PDB file of N, CA and C in Angstrom:
ATOM      1  N   UNK A   1      35.927  95.602  51.145  1.00  0.00           N
ATOM      2  CA  UNK A   1      34.932  96.133  50.826  1.00  0.00           C
ATOM      3  C   UNK A   1      35.214  97.089  49.788  1.00  0.00           C
ATOM      4  N   UNK A   2      34.486  97.617  48.786  1.00  0.00           N
ATOM      5  CA  UNK A   2      35.118  98.473  47.315  1.00  0.00           C
ATOM      6  C   UNK A   2      34.226  99.473  47.162  1.00  0.00           C
ATOM      7  N   UNK A   3      34.594 100.513  46.157  1.00  0.00           N
ATOM      8  CA  UNK A   3      33.860 101.852  46.704  1.00  0.00           C
ATOM      9  C   UNK A   3      32.616 101.718  46.312  1.00  0.00           C
ATOM     10  N   UNK A   4      31.925 100.927  45.614  1.00  0.00           N
ATOM     11  CA  UNK A   4      30.478 100.864  44.853  1.00  0.00           C
ATOM     12  C   UNK A   4      29.555 100.704  46.078  1.00  0.00           C
ATOM     13  N   UNK A   5      30.320  99.252  46.880  1.00  0.00           N
ATOM     14  CA  UNK A   5      29.371  98.727  48.146  1.00  0.00           C
ATOM     15  C   UNK A   5      28.505  99.941  48.744  1.00  0.00           C
ATOM     16  N   UNK A   6      27.864  99.764  48.866  1.00  0.00           N
ATOM     17  CA  UNK A   6      26.465  99.928  49.975  1.00  0.00           C
ATOM     18  C   UNK A   6      27.322  99.975  51.389  1.00  0.00           C
ATOM     19  N   UNK A   7      27.531 100.905  52.575  1.00  0.00           N
ATOM     20  CA  UNK A   7      28.006 100.488  53.663  1.00  0.00           C
ATOM     21  C   UNK A   7      27.152 100.754  55.038  1.00  0.00           C
ATOM     22  N   UNK A   8      26.424  99.134  55.290  1.00  0.00           N
ATOM     23  CA  UNK A   8      25.585  98.857  56.383  1.00  0.00           C
ATOM     24  C   UNK A   8      26.235  98.761  57.775  1.00  0.00           C
ATOM     25  N   UNK A   9      24.681  98.919  57.904  1.00  0.00           N
ATOM     26  CA  UNK A   9      24.928  98.662  59.638  1.00  0.00           C
ATOM     27  C   UNK A   9      26.146  98.515  59.995  1.00  0.00           C
ATOM     28  N   UNK A  10      26.073  97.028  60.053  1.00  0.00           N
ATOM     29  CA  UNK A  10      27.844  95.735  60.231  1.00  0.00           C
ATOM     30  C   UNK A  10      28.216  96.690  60.536  1.00  0.00           C
ATOM     31  N   UNK A  11      28.877  97.279  59.151  1.00  0.00           N
ATOM     32  CA  UNK A  11      30.178  98.041  58.497  1.00  0.00           C
ATOM     33  C   UNK A  11      30.058  98.283  59.746  1.00  0.00           C
ATOM     34  N   UNK A  12      29.676  99.886  60.619  1.00  0.00           N
ATOM     35  CA  UNK A  12      29.778 100.844  60.825  1.00  0.00           C
ATOM     36  C   UNK A  12      29.928 100.494  62.498  1.00  0.00           C
ATOM     37  N   UNK A  13      29.421  99.375  62.766  1.00  0.00           N
ATOM     38  CA  UNK A  13      29.478  98.832  63.925  1.00  0.00           C
ATOM     39  C   UNK A  13      30.584  98.092  64.491  1.00  0.00           C
ATOM     40  N   UNK A  14      31.499  96.863  63.425  1.00  0.00           N
ATOM     41  CA  UNK A  14      32.591  96.528  63.459  1.00  0.00           C
ATOM     42  C   UNK A  14      33.556  97.649  63.686  1.00  0.00           C
ATOM     43  N   UNK A  15      33.710  98.598  62.655  1.00  0.00           N
ATOM     44  CA  UNK A  15      34.483  99.236  62.766  1.00  0.00           C
ATOM     45  C   UNK A  15      34.405 100.435  64.739  1.00  0.00           C
ATOM     46  N   UNK A  16      33.171 101.138  65.153  1.00  0.00           N
ATOM     47  CA  UNK A  16      33.235 101.259  65.714  1.00  0.00           C
ATOM     48  C   UNK A  16      33.722  99.921  67.239  1.00  0.00           C
ATOM     49  N   UNK A  17      33.407  99.479  66.771  1.00  0.00           N
ATOM     50  CA  UNK A  17      34.323  97.864  67.920  1.00  0.00           C
ATOM     51  C   UNK A  17      36.144  98.360  67.334  1.00  0.00           C
ATOM     52  N   UNK A  18      36.218  98.272  66.903  1.00  0.00           N
ATOM     53  CA  UNK A  18      38.140  97.822  67.016  1.00  0.00           C
ATOM     54  C   UNK A  18      38.062  99.700  67.047  1.00  0.00           C
ATOM     55  N   UNK A  19      37.848 101.079  66.558  1.00  0.00           N
ATOM     56  CA  UNK A  19      38.018 102.289  67.505  1.00  0.00           C
ATOM     57  C   UNK A  19      37.896 101.646  69.140  1.00  0.00           C
ATOM     58  N   UNK A  20      36.827 100.893  69.567  1.00  0.00           N
ATOM     59  CA  UNK A  20      36.919 101.454  70.976  1.00  0.00           C
ATOM     60  C   UNK A  20      37.746 100.091  72.090  1.00  0.00           C
ATOM     61  N   UNK A  21      37.885  99.528  71.047  1.00  0.00           N
ATOM     62  CA  UNK A  21      39.099  98.454  71.260  1.00  0.00           C
ATOM     63  C   UNK A  21      40.614  98.750  71.802  1.00  0.00           C
ATOM     64  N   UNK A  22      40.409 100.125  70.145  1.00  0.00           N
ATOM     65  CA  UNK A  22      41.497  99.980  70.322  1.00  0.00           C
ATOM     66  C   UNK A  22      42.118 101.311  71.510  1.00  0.00           C
ATOM     67  N   UNK A  23      41.430 102.317  71.843  1.00  0.00           N
ATOM     68  CA  UNK A  23      41.317 103.576  72.829  1.00  0.00           C
ATOM     69  C   UNK A  23      40.977 103.176  73.863  1.00  0.00           C
ATOM     70  N   UNK A  24      40.392 101.436  74.528  1.00  0.00           N
ATOM     71  CA  UNK A  24      41.005 100.853  75.686  1.00  0.00           C
ATOM     72  C   UNK A  24      42.340 100.474  75.415  1.00  0.00           C
ATOM     73  N   UNK A  25      42.812 100.136  74.780  1.00  0.00           N
ATOM     74  CA  UNK A  25      44.176  99.598  74.788  1.00  0.00           C
ATOM     75  C   UNK A  25      45.342 101.312  75.402  1.00  0.00           C
ATOM     76  N   UNK A  26      44.442 102.790  74.706  1.00  0.00           N
ATOM     77  CA  UNK A  26      45.644 103.675  75.530  1.00  0.00           C
ATOM     78  C   UNK A  26      44.841 103.802  76.827  1.00  0.00           C
ATOM     79  N   UNK A  27      44.208 103.820  77.282  1.00  0.00           N
ATOM     80  CA  UNK A  27      43.118 103.918  77.964  1.00  0.00           C
ATOM     81  C   UNK A  27      44.437 103.405  79.014  1.00  0.00           C
ATOM     82  N   UNK A  28      44.218 102.165  78.834  1.00  0.00           N
ATOM     83  CA  UNK A  28      44.255 101.305  80.190  1.00  0.00           C
ATOM     84  C   UNK A  28      46.297 101.737  80.178  1.00  0.00           C
ATOM     85  N   UNK A  29      46.865 101.925  79.072  1.00  0.00           N
ATOM     86  CA  UNK A  29      48.259 102.282  79.612  1.00  0.00           C
ATOM     87  C   UNK A  29      48.414 103.925  80.206  1.00  0.00           C
ATOM     88  N   UNK A  30      47.389 104.693  79.049  1.00  0.00           N
ATOM     89  CA  UNK A  30      48.192 105.543  80.632  1.00  0.00           C
ATOM     90  C   UNK A  30      47.669 105.587  81.766  1.00  0.00           C
ATOM     91  N   UNK A  31      46.942 104.854  81.752  1.00  0.00           N
ATOM     92  CA  UNK A  31      46.598 105.075  83.282  1.00  0.00           C
ATOM     93  C   UNK A  31      47.314 104.360  84.114  1.00  0.00           C
ATOM     94  N   UNK A  32      48.154 103.113  83.631  1.00  0.00           N
ATOM     95  CA  UNK A  32      49.761 102.717  84.952  1.00  0.00           C
ATOM     96  C   UNK A  32      50.853 103.575  84.520  1.00  0.00           C
ATOM     97  N   UNK A  33      51.046 105.015  83.463  1.00  0.00           N
ATOM     98  CA  UNK A  33      51.435 106.118  84.066  1.00  0.00           C
ATOM     99  C   UNK A  33      51.286 106.724  85.009  1.00  0.00           C
ATOM    100  N   UNK A  34      50.199 107.276  84.575  1.00  0.00           N
ATOM    101  CA  UNK A  34      49.432 107.818  85.455  1.00  0.00           C
ATOM    102  C   UNK A  34      49.894 108.223  86.875  1.00  0.00           C
ATOM    103  N   UNK A  35      49.534 106.485  87.380  1.00  0.00           N
ATOM    104  CA  UNK A  35      49.388 105.662  88.411  1.00  0.00           C
ATOM    105  C   UNK A  35      51.413 106.054  89.089  1.00  0.00           C
ATOM    106  N   UNK A  36      51.892 105.647  87.990  1.00  0.00           N
ATOM    107  CA  UNK A  36      53.396 104.937  88.057  1.00  0.00           C
ATOM    108  C   UNK A  36      53.871 107.342  89.130  1.00  0.00           C
ATOM    109  N   UNK A  37      53.322 107.885  87.907  1.00  0.00           N
ATOM    110  CA  UNK A  37      54.080 109.736  88.332  1.00  0.00           C
ATOM    111  C   UNK A  37      53.764 109.659  89.547  1.00  0.00           C
ATOM    112  N   UNK A  38      52.234 110.127  89.915  1.00  0.00           N
ATOM    113  CA  UNK A  38      51.829 109.976  91.024  1.00  0.00           C
ATOM    114  C   UNK A  38      52.632 109.369  92.098  1.00  0.00           C
ATOM    115  N   UNK A  39      53.125 108.078  92.191  1.00  0.00           N
ATOM    116  CA  UNK A  39      53.338 107.222  93.081  1.00  0.00           C
ATOM    117  C   UNK A  39      55.169 108.000  93.435  1.00  0.00           C
ATOM    118  N   UNK A  40      55.614 108.270  92.076  1.00  0.00           N
ATOM    119  CA  UNK A  40      57.329 108.326  92.044  1.00  0.00           C
ATOM    120  C   UNK A  40      57.001 110.435  92.883  1.00  0.00           C
ATOM    121  N   UNK A  41      56.137 111.138  92.667  1.00  0.00           N
ATOM    122  CA  UNK A  41      56.197 112.514  93.308  1.00  0.00           C
ATOM    123  C   UNK A  41      55.663 112.501  94.471  1.00  0.00           C
ATOM    124  N   UNK A  42      55.141 111.587  95.075  1.00  0.00           N
ATOM    125  CA  UNK A  42      54.744 111.240  96.555  1.00  0.00           C
ATOM    126  C   UNK A  42      55.425 110.752  97.207  1.00  0.00           C
ATOM    127  N   UNK A  43      56.724 110.321  96.846  1.00  0.00           N
ATOM    128  CA  UNK A  43      57.911 110.251  97.498  1.00  0.00           C
ATOM    129  C   UNK A  43      58.993 110.709  97.610  1.00  0.00           C
ATOM    130  N   UNK A  44      59.040 111.958  96.002  1.00  0.00           N
ATOM    131  CA  UNK A  44      59.039 112.943  96.249  1.00  0.00           C
ATOM    132  C   UNK A  44      59.213 113.868  97.634  1.00  0.00           C
ATOM    133  N   UNK A  45      58.005 114.248  97.136  1.00  0.00           N
ATOM    134  CA  UNK A  45      57.639 114.885  98.409  1.00  0.00           C
ATOM    135  C   UNK A  45      57.646 114.438  99.761  1.00  0.00           C
ATOM    136  N   UNK A  46      57.642 113.294 100.192  1.00  0.00           N
ATOM    137  CA  UNK A  46      57.775 112.965 101.608  1.00  0.00           C
ATOM    138  C   UNK A  46      59.356 112.819 101.555  1.00  0.00           C
ATOM    139  N   UNK A  47      60.484 112.240 100.504  1.00  0.00           N
ATOM    140  CA  UNK A  47      61.845 112.827 100.407  1.00  0.00           C
ATOM    141  C   UNK A  47      62.165 114.170 101.531  1.00  0.00           C
ATOM    142  N   UNK A  48      61.488 115.450 100.744  1.00  0.00           N
ATOM    143  CA  UNK A  48      61.999 116.244 100.701  1.00  0.00           C
ATOM    144  C   UNK A  48      61.860 117.016 101.872  1.00  0.00           C
ATOM    145  N   UNK A  49      60.291 116.616 102.447  1.00  0.00           N
ATOM    146  CA  UNK A  49      59.757 117.194 103.714  1.00  0.00           C
ATOM    147  C   UNK A  49      60.798 116.456 105.084  1.00  0.00           C
ATOM    148  N   UNK A  50      60.984 115.325 104.217  1.00  0.00           N
ATOM    149  CA  UNK A  50      62.272 114.503 105.773  1.00  0.00           C
ATOM    150  C   UNK A  50      63.348 115.387 105.826  1.00  0.00           C
ATOM    151  N   UNK A  51      63.970 115.387 104.799  1.00  0.00           N
ATOM    152  CA  UNK A  51      64.891 116.389 104.350  1.00  0.00           C
ATOM    153  C   UNK A  51      65.488 117.551 105.308  1.00  0.00           C
ATOM    154  N   UNK A  52      64.035 118.291 104.296  1.00  0.00           N
ATOM    155  CA  UNK A  52      63.638 119.691 104.887  1.00  0.00           C
ATOM    156  C   UNK A  52      63.908 119.483 106.937  1.00  0.00           C
ATOM    157  N   UNK A  53      62.465 119.061 107.066  1.00  0.00           N
ATOM    158  CA  UNK A  53      62.415 119.045 108.274  1.00  0.00           C
ATOM    159  C   UNK A  53      63.673 118.156 109.883  1.00  0.00           C
ATOM    160  N   UNK A  54      64.395 116.881 108.836  1.00  0.00           N
ATOM    161  CA  UNK A  54      66.001 116.995 109.673  1.00  0.00           C
ATOM    162  C   UNK A  54      66.454 118.624 109.413  1.00  0.00           C
ATOM    163  N   UNK A  55      66.740 119.461 108.491  1.00  0.00           N
ATOM    164  CA  UNK A  55      67.892 120.025 108.488  1.00  0.00           C
ATOM    165  C   UNK A  55      66.921 121.181 109.073  1.00  0.00           C
ATOM    166  N   UNK A  56      65.737 121.671 108.981  1.00  0.00           N
ATOM    167  CA  UNK A  56      65.371 122.336 110.229  1.00  0.00           C
ATOM    168  C   UNK A  56      65.726 121.957 111.805  1.00  0.00           C
ATOM    169  N   UNK A  57      66.523 120.672 112.538  1.00  0.00           N
ATOM    170  CA  UNK A  57      65.683 120.679 113.656  1.00  0.00           C
ATOM    171  C   UNK A  57      66.876 120.847 114.323  1.00  0.00           C
ATOM    172  N   UNK A  58      68.324 120.605 112.969  1.00  0.00           N
ATOM    173  CA  UNK A  58      69.512 120.950 113.600  1.00  0.00           C
ATOM    174  C   UNK A  58      70.076 122.116 113.533  1.00  0.00           C
ATOM    175  N   UNK A  59      68.963 122.998 112.670  1.00  0.00           N
ATOM    176  CA  UNK A  59      69.175 124.654 113.229  1.00  0.00           C
ATOM    177  C   UNK A  59      68.968 124.405 114.483  1.00  0.00           C
ATOM    178  N   UNK A  60      67.484 124.725 115.171  1.00  0.00           N
ATOM    179  CA  UNK A  60      67.147 125.126 116.375  1.00  0.00           C
ATOM    180  C   UNK A  60      67.226 123.430 117.373  1.00  0.00           C
ATOM    181  N   UNK A  61      68.178 122.953 117.563  1.00  0.00           N
ATOM    182  CA  UNK A  61      68.494 122.186 118.333  1.00  0.00           C
ATOM    183  C   UNK A  61      69.183 123.048 119.651  1.00  0.00           C
ATOM    184  N   UNK A  62      68.639 122.733 120.300  1.00  0.00           N
ATOM    185  CA  UNK A  62      70.026 123.172 121.477  1.00  0.00           C
ATOM    186  C   UNK A  62      70.392 122.484 122.137  1.00  0.00           C
ATOM    187  N   UNK A  63      71.940 123.180 122.195  1.00  0.00           N
ATOM    188  CA  UNK A  63      73.175 122.224 123.047  1.00  0.00           C
ATOM    189  C   UNK A  63      73.370 122.743 123.862  1.00  0.00           C
ATOM    190  N   UNK A  64      73.001 121.443 125.100  1.00  0.00           N
ATOM    191  CA  UNK A  64      73.150 120.980 125.855  1.00  0.00           C
ATOM    192  C   UNK A  64      74.407 120.761 126.765  1.00  0.00           C
ATOM    193  N   UNK A  65      75.637 120.980 126.967  1.00  0.00           N
ATOM    194  CA  UNK A  65      76.765 120.010 127.920  1.00  0.00           C
ATOM    195  C   UNK A  65      76.799 120.715 129.542  1.00  0.00           C
ATOM    196  N   UNK A  66      76.883 119.072 129.397  1.00  0.00           N
ATOM    197  CA  UNK A  66      76.425 119.230 130.800  1.00  0.00           C
ATOM    198  C   UNK A  66      78.003 118.781 131.479  1.00  0.00           C
ATOM    199  N   UNK A  67      78.727 119.754 133.143  1.00  0.00           N
ATOM    200  CA  UNK A  67      80.166 119.312 133.607  1.00  0.00           C
ATOM    201  C   UNK A  67      79.736 118.290 134.437  1.00  0.00           C
ATOM    202  N   UNK A  68      80.812 117.721 135.478  1.00  0.00           N
ATOM    203  CA  UNK A  68      81.193 118.289 136.437  1.00  0.00           C
ATOM    204  C   UNK A  68      81.434 118.161 137.439  1.00  0.00           C
ATOM    205  N   UNK A  69      80.940 119.107 138.613  1.00  0.00           N
ATOM    206  CA  UNK A  69      82.168 119.909 139.422  1.00  0.00           C
ATOM    207  C   UNK A  69      83.592 118.915 140.013  1.00  0.00           C
TER     208      UNK A  69
END
């Protein structure tokens, strides 16, 4: 398209389609990164809760010694 050509509806629609295609590619890429990040955070939280719970259990555990007379 030269600088003197009028802008037509087809030119505008073509440009919007190309922009939409670019946005859809970025959106799907971002969504996959977000899913991976959420999964990593969930695993980290589960591991931390397990570790803190087992530590707390060791501190509160009663030790009973049984002896035969």
